[in-house]
Structure formats: C-alpha cells, structure tokens
Amino acid sequence: MDIRQLELLLAVVDLSSVTKAAEKMHISPGAISLQLQNLAGQLNTELFVRQGRQLVPTPAGLRLASHARSLVRQMREIRQEFANNPLTDNQPFHFATGATTLIHRLGKPLRALRKQYPNTHVEVTVLPTEEIVAGLLDRRFDLGLISLPFSEEQLSLIPLFEEELLILKPTTRGQTAWRVGSISIEEVAAAPFLLYPKRSNMRTMIDGFFGSLNVSPEVVMEADDTEAIKRLVESGFGYSMLPEFALRAKPRFFETFRVAGRRLARTQALAMAKTEYPRALTRSIATLLEAEIRA
C-alpha cells in the first residue's frame, strides 16, 4: 500500500467513477482499476461494488477512505513543509547575532526582513560568536552573523564588512565629536584593562593583538556586554578595546585610539551550516540581509 493508491481510492470514492477519477488524476482508467485491485488484494477485502454505471464503496472501502483522507492530508502537509520554497516556507526561522552588531548595524536590515517576509516567524537570539557557531552546527539556528576570524570548516560564510577594534580610555572632558588619536605601546602596557572574557572569540583576537605588541595587559575586570564595558570605562575603571561601531554613536567620557602602524580589525560575516540540503529560505534571507547591510 502506498500514498498514491490511497489518493486514487479517494478520487474514485468522491467521483463514483473510474473514468472521471482517471481524468482528475491524469492516469488511464485501466491503471486506476489495476491499482484498486492490488490495494484490495493487499487488504484481503472488497473495496467497491458496481451499481449500474457507478462504483459504490463497500463498508470496508468507506472505512479505508476515512483513514486515507487523514493520511493524504498529513502527507500533503509534510510535502508543503519540506517543499523548500522560501515564499511558502512557514516554519520558524532562527537568526543569531552579537549584541553590538544588532544594536548598531541591523536595525534597517531587520526591518527589511520583516517587510519581505511578514508571515515568517523570525526568532532573533543574541549571543557571542562561539555560541552562535555551536548553535549553527547543531541546527538550532538557521543563520548567524559572526565575527571572523573563526576557524570552522563546517560553515558557509558570506563576509560583509570589516570593523576596526579601537582602544578607549576614560576622560573627564566630555567629547562632542568622533576622533581617533594615536597611543603609544608604553601607555598600553601600563594601563589597566576591562576586556571580554577569556572564552570569547573577541578576547582571542584582542589577546593576539597584545601579543603582537609584546604586551601583557593588566586585566582588572571582564564582561560580556560591550555597552557595560563602555560605561565602566567612562566611569574611570580602566581602558578597553571595543568595536568601532559601538564607539561612534555618542562619545562622551572616553577617547578612542589606535597604536600607530598596528591595526586590529574583525570581519563580520553571515554564516550557515554546510549541508547537502540547504534551506531555501535561509539562502534567501542571507541574500536580503547581505544587500541591506552593504547598502
């Protein structure tokens, strides 16, 4: 017994005619009769009797038709769910990103996403890169926006833009304009720092940068949240190193610097798990976000 036989059975039950059912199902009347005979033989029961020119289902045929309607409906729902058409895909879409990028770069792109896919249930999760990657690999997330470099051969990546990481230090003079000055390696080496936790991808990049300067900074505090670190710097707790876009908005009681001739930058990229059967909606949303972020 297969789903096609059940679909043919229902067509004959509904139309009371093999000929009309054959026209509807785009198959010959003889082929329908053969399929119904095979189905009756598999179940060891009569499914139809002829009354004049009409085929009338037996009680067994009616019972089977009741089961068949439910099964055929479920099969159609399964086919629709896995049709992989971005315009009809109504399953939840899971997107993950870092907090800084969400706050400073994703406002307009996410509005465009909601406009393009108003009926798609989009869930946004805010996590650091390493946790986003873990979620992509175990299929908890469909798409992520992560910081590179990050070594992971099981990901498909779409690089978007480069963002410099700058050193900031507190100042008592309120800043009214964006400006990046120059800071000496000696001052960096002597300063107390507030940094991301050791486990984070951002901290790995920053530690590598300090290593290239032959500096072992005094880390007096660690925090996951970029905005929290920025406020602590403004309050005079120490220096830090943060992404440029988080610093541009309204510099107040901190100043930004780079070490002359030494530049540290991260690349922001859309990432998805490599798979033999990619979700078409993921590709479509990735293309939309890429265009909006680059605009």
Protein backbone atom coordinates (compact mmCIF):
# COMPACT_ATOMS: atom_id res chain seq x y z
CA MET A 1 0.00 0.00 0.00
CA ASP A 2 1.31 3.46 -0.85
CA ILE A 3 0.02 7.02 -0.74
CA ARG A 4 -0.67 7.10 -4.48
CA GLN A 5 -3.06 4.15 -4.20
CA LEU A 6 -4.90 5.94 -1.41
CA GLU A 7 -5.18 9.12 -3.50
CA LEU A 8 -6.67 7.08 -6.36
CA LEU A 9 -9.09 5.38 -3.96
CA LEU A 10 -10.34 8.76 -2.71
CA ALA A 11 -10.77 10.07 -6.25
CA VAL A 12 -13.00 7.11 -7.14
CA VAL A 13 -14.96 7.38 -3.87
CA ASP A 14 -15.58 11.09 -4.42
CA LEU A 15 -16.49 10.82 -8.11
CA SER A 16 -18.13 7.38 -8.14
CA SER A 17 -16.48 6.76 -11.50
CA VAL A 18 -13.15 5.31 -12.58
CA THR A 19 -13.30 7.33 -15.82
CA LYS A 20 -13.84 10.67 -14.05
CA ALA A 21 -11.21 9.79 -11.44
CA ALA A 22 -8.75 8.96 -14.22
CA GLU A 23 -9.31 12.39 -15.79
CA LYS A 24 -8.77 14.13 -12.47
CA MET A 25 -5.64 12.15 -11.58
CA HIS A 26 -4.17 12.25 -15.13
CA ILE A 27 -3.92 8.47 -15.41
CA SER A 28 -5.68 5.85 -17.56
CA PRO A 29 -8.84 4.14 -16.27
CA GLY A 30 -7.16 0.77 -16.66
CA ALA A 31 -4.25 1.85 -14.45
CA ILE A 32 -6.66 3.03 -11.73
CA SER A 33 -8.56 -0.28 -11.85
CA LEU A 34 -5.32 -2.22 -11.54
CA GLN A 35 -4.15 -0.13 -8.57
CA LEU A 36 -7.50 -0.61 -6.79
CA GLN A 37 -7.41 -4.35 -7.43
CA ASN A 38 -3.89 -4.51 -5.97
CA LEU A 39 -4.98 -2.48 -2.95
CA ALA A 40 -7.99 -4.76 -2.34
CA GLY A 41 -5.73 -7.81 -2.63
CA GLN A 42 -3.25 -6.40 -0.10
CA LEU A 43 -6.10 -5.85 2.39
CA ASN A 44 -8.00 -9.05 1.52
CA THR A 45 -11.29 -7.22 1.17
CA GLU A 46 -13.67 -5.81 -1.44
CA LEU A 47 -13.43 -2.04 -1.70
CA PHE A 48 -16.09 -1.29 -4.36
CA VAL A 49 -19.19 -2.84 -5.88
CA ARG A 50 -20.84 -1.77 -9.13
CA GLN A 51 -24.37 -0.42 -9.10
CA GLY A 52 -25.37 0.27 -12.66
CA ARG A 53 -22.75 2.60 -14.09
CA GLN A 54 -21.48 3.74 -10.71
CA LEU A 55 -18.85 2.29 -8.39
CA VAL A 56 -20.06 2.31 -4.79
CA PRO A 57 -17.63 1.81 -1.92
CA THR A 58 -18.26 -1.11 0.39
CA PRO A 59 -18.28 -0.56 4.18
CA ALA A 60 -14.63 -1.66 4.15
CA GLY A 61 -13.96 0.83 1.34
CA LEU A 62 -15.57 3.63 3.34
CA ARG A 63 -13.52 2.80 6.42
CA LEU A 64 -10.35 2.78 4.34
CA ALA A 65 -11.33 6.09 2.71
CA SER A 66 -11.73 7.67 6.16
CA HIS A 67 -8.22 6.61 7.15
CA ALA A 68 -6.90 7.60 3.71
CA ARG A 69 -8.20 11.18 3.95
CA SER A 70 -6.29 11.73 7.17
CA LEU A 71 -3.11 10.16 5.80
CA VAL A 72 -3.26 12.04 2.49
CA ARG A 73 -3.85 15.35 4.32
CA GLN A 74 -0.83 14.71 6.57
CA MET A 75 1.30 13.76 3.57
CA ARG A 76 0.37 16.97 1.77
CA GLU A 77 1.27 18.99 4.88
CA ILE A 78 4.64 17.22 5.04
CA ARG A 79 5.26 17.88 1.34
CA GLN A 80 4.39 21.54 1.80
CA GLU A 81 6.62 21.88 4.87
CA PHE A 82 9.61 20.40 3.08
CA ALA A 83 8.92 21.90 -0.35
CA ASN A 84 11.87 24.24 0.33
CA ASN A 85 10.21 27.23 -1.28
CA PRO A 86 11.10 30.46 0.56
CA LEU A 87 7.74 32.01 -0.35
CA THR A 88 5.70 29.18 1.19
CA ASP A 89 8.08 28.10 3.97
CA ASN A 90 6.09 28.90 7.11
CA GLN A 91 8.35 27.21 9.64
CA PRO A 92 10.09 29.37 12.30
CA PHE A 93 13.36 30.96 11.20
CA HIS A 94 16.12 31.25 13.80
CA PHE A 95 18.68 34.05 13.40
CA ALA A 96 21.54 34.69 15.84
CA THR A 97 23.81 37.72 16.13
CA GLY A 98 26.08 39.57 18.52
CA ALA A 99 24.62 42.39 20.63
CA THR A 100 26.89 45.13 19.25
CA THR A 101 26.09 44.36 15.62
CA LEU A 102 22.39 44.07 16.41
CA ILE A 103 22.32 47.47 18.09
CA HIS A 104 24.46 49.38 15.63
CA ARG A 105 24.07 47.69 12.22
CA LEU A 106 20.92 45.57 11.98
CA GLY A 107 18.05 48.00 12.55
CA LYS A 108 17.32 48.72 8.88
CA PRO A 109 18.17 45.21 7.58
CA LEU A 110 15.83 43.56 10.09
CA ARG A 111 13.04 45.97 9.17
CA ALA A 112 13.54 44.99 5.52
CA LEU A 113 13.41 41.33 6.55
CA ARG A 114 10.07 41.79 8.32
CA LYS A 115 8.69 43.63 5.30
CA GLN A 116 9.85 40.96 2.83
CA TYR A 117 8.65 38.02 4.96
CA PRO A 118 5.71 39.36 7.01
CA ASN A 119 4.27 35.89 7.66
CA THR A 120 7.54 34.23 8.69
CA HIS A 121 8.03 33.76 12.42
CA VAL A 122 11.57 35.09 12.90
CA GLU A 123 13.31 34.46 16.21
CA VAL A 124 16.44 36.53 16.99
CA THR A 125 18.92 35.27 19.57
CA VAL A 126 21.79 37.43 20.89
CA LEU A 127 24.97 35.51 21.70
CA PRO A 128 28.75 35.74 21.27
CA THR A 129 30.29 34.25 18.12
CA GLU A 130 31.44 30.97 19.65
CA GLU A 131 27.92 30.17 20.92
CA ILE A 132 26.36 31.18 17.60
CA VAL A 133 28.66 28.78 15.77
CA ALA A 134 27.74 25.96 18.16
CA GLY A 135 24.06 26.67 17.51
CA LEU A 136 24.54 26.65 13.74
CA LEU A 137 26.34 23.32 13.81
CA ASP A 138 23.67 21.58 15.89
CA ARG A 139 20.93 23.21 13.75
CA ARG A 140 19.40 25.36 16.50
CA PHE A 141 20.00 28.41 14.29
CA ASP A 142 19.38 28.75 10.55
CA LEU A 143 21.62 31.78 10.06
CA GLY A 144 24.12 33.66 12.20
CA LEU A 145 26.11 36.87 11.99
CA ILE A 146 29.54 36.15 13.47
CA SER A 147 32.95 37.73 13.90
CA LEU A 148 35.90 36.45 11.89
CA PRO A 149 38.49 35.13 12.09
CA PHE A 150 36.86 31.95 13.34
CA SER A 151 38.15 28.58 12.21
CA GLU A 152 35.24 26.31 11.31
CA GLU A 153 35.28 24.25 8.12
CA GLN A 154 31.63 23.17 8.51
CA LEU A 155 30.30 26.68 7.89
CA SER A 156 29.38 28.52 4.70
CA LEU A 157 30.39 32.17 5.10
CA ILE A 158 29.36 35.44 3.44
CA PRO A 159 31.82 38.19 4.52
CA LEU A 160 30.01 41.53 4.92
CA PHE A 161 32.22 44.29 6.27
CA GLU A 162 35.34 44.96 8.27
CA GLU A 163 35.25 46.68 11.65
CA GLU A 164 38.27 48.04 13.47
CA LEU A 165 38.76 47.45 17.19
CA LEU A 166 39.93 50.60 18.94
CA ILE A 167 41.47 51.33 22.32
CA LEU A 168 39.44 53.62 24.53
CA LYS A 169 40.36 55.31 27.76
CA PRO A 170 38.41 57.47 30.19
CA THR A 171 38.47 61.23 30.15
CA THR A 172 36.87 63.87 32.36
CA ARG A 173 36.32 66.15 29.37
CA GLY A 174 33.01 65.47 27.59
CA GLN A 175 33.60 64.54 23.94
CA THR A 176 31.37 66.07 21.27
CA ALA A 177 32.94 64.68 18.08
CA TRP A 178 34.28 61.38 16.81
CA ARG A 179 38.06 61.30 16.66
CA VAL A 180 40.71 58.55 16.71
CA GLY A 181 44.06 59.52 18.15
CA SER A 182 47.36 57.68 18.46
CA ILE A 183 48.52 55.88 21.60
CA SER A 184 51.95 54.52 22.45
CA ILE A 185 52.72 50.89 23.20
CA GLU A 186 54.21 52.03 26.52
CA GLU A 187 50.92 53.59 27.62
CA VAL A 188 49.03 50.46 26.59
CA ALA A 189 51.43 48.30 28.60
CA ALA A 190 50.96 50.42 31.72
CA ALA A 191 47.17 50.73 31.61
CA PRO A 192 44.57 48.63 33.47
CA PHE A 193 42.12 46.99 31.03
CA LEU A 194 38.49 45.87 31.06
CA LEU A 195 38.13 43.11 28.46
CA TYR A 196 35.80 40.44 27.17
CA PRO A 197 36.03 37.05 28.93
CA LYS A 198 38.81 34.64 28.03
CA ARG A 199 36.38 32.16 26.46
CA SER A 200 35.20 34.61 23.79
CA ASN A 201 36.35 34.88 20.19
CA MET A 202 36.75 38.64 20.61
CA ARG A 203 39.12 38.16 23.55
CA THR A 204 41.19 35.72 21.47
CA MET A 205 41.63 38.40 18.80
CA ILE A 206 42.50 41.09 21.37
CA ASP A 207 44.99 38.85 23.17
CA GLY A 208 46.64 38.11 19.84
CA PHE A 209 46.92 41.84 19.17
CA PHE A 210 48.53 42.50 22.56
CA GLY A 211 50.88 39.59 21.88
CA SER A 212 51.98 41.24 18.63
CA LEU A 213 52.89 44.32 20.72
CA ASN A 214 54.77 42.17 23.27
CA VAL A 215 52.36 43.49 25.90
CA SER A 216 50.75 41.54 28.74
CA PRO A 217 47.98 43.91 29.86
CA GLU A 218 46.76 44.11 33.42
CA VAL A 219 43.17 42.87 33.16
CA VAL A 220 41.24 44.29 36.13
CA MET A 221 37.74 43.27 35.02
CA GLU A 222 35.97 41.07 32.43
CA ALA A 223 32.46 41.46 31.00
CA ASP A 224 30.45 40.01 28.10
CA ASP A 225 28.50 43.16 27.31
CA THR A 226 30.09 45.86 25.13
CA GLU A 227 27.83 48.63 26.43
CA ALA A 228 28.61 47.69 30.03
CA ILE A 229 32.35 47.82 29.34
CA LYS A 230 31.96 51.20 27.67
CA ARG A 231 30.13 52.63 30.67
CA LEU A 232 32.76 51.27 33.06
CA VAL A 233 35.49 52.93 31.02
CA GLU A 234 33.56 56.22 31.14
CA SER A 235 33.36 55.80 34.90
CA GLY A 236 37.14 55.61 35.12
CA PHE A 237 37.65 51.89 35.84
CA GLY A 238 40.26 51.43 33.10
CA TYR A 239 40.96 51.19 29.39
CA SER A 240 39.39 48.75 26.96
CA MET A 241 39.37 47.63 23.33
CA LEU A 242 35.99 47.61 21.59
CA PRO A 243 34.45 47.51 18.09
CA GLU A 244 34.41 50.82 16.26
CA PHE A 245 30.66 50.99 15.56
CA ALA A 246 29.90 50.71 19.27
CA LEU A 247 32.02 53.80 19.90
CA ARG A 248 30.95 56.15 17.12
CA ALA A 249 27.41 56.95 18.23
CA LYS A 250 27.87 59.40 21.13
CA PRO A 251 31.39 59.54 22.54
CA ARG A 252 31.05 61.14 25.94
CA PHE A 253 33.61 60.48 28.63
CA PHE A 254 36.08 58.33 26.72
CA GLU A 255 38.61 58.88 23.97
CA THR A 256 39.49 56.42 21.19
CA PHE A 257 42.95 55.49 19.92
CA ARG A 258 44.89 53.11 17.73
CA VAL A 259 48.54 52.12 18.05
CA ALA A 260 50.40 53.73 15.16
CA GLY A 261 51.12 51.17 12.45
CA ARG A 262 49.23 48.42 14.32
CA ARG A 263 45.64 47.84 13.31
CA LEU A 264 43.26 45.18 14.62
CA ALA A 265 40.04 44.50 12.70
CA ARG A 266 37.37 41.85 12.69
CA THR A 267 35.31 40.80 9.69
CA GLN A 268 31.59 40.41 10.22
CA ALA A 269 30.08 37.57 8.20
CA LEU A 270 26.81 35.75 7.74
CA ALA A 271 27.25 32.06 8.49
CA MET A 272 25.19 28.94 7.95
CA ALA A 273 25.94 25.26 8.37
CA LYS A 274 27.20 23.44 5.30
CA THR A 275 24.61 20.86 4.31
CA GLU A 276 23.64 18.74 1.34
CA TYR A 277 20.08 20.06 1.60
CA PRO A 278 20.23 23.81 2.36
CA ARG A 279 17.01 25.53 3.35
CA ALA A 280 15.99 27.85 0.52
CA LEU A 281 14.58 30.38 2.99
CA THR A 282 17.98 30.63 4.70
CA ARG A 283 19.70 31.41 1.41
CA SER A 284 17.02 33.94 0.50
CA ILE A 285 17.19 35.77 3.85
CA ALA A 286 21.00 35.73 3.76
CA THR A 287 20.91 37.40 0.32
CA LEU A 288 18.46 40.03 1.58
CA LEU A 289 20.50 40.83 4.71
CA GLU A 290 23.73 40.96 2.72
CA ALA A 291 22.25 43.53 0.31
CA GLU A 292 20.77 45.63 3.13
CA ILE A 293 23.91 45.63 5.27
CA ARG A 294 26.14 46.52 2.32
CA ALA A 295 23.80 49.31 1.16
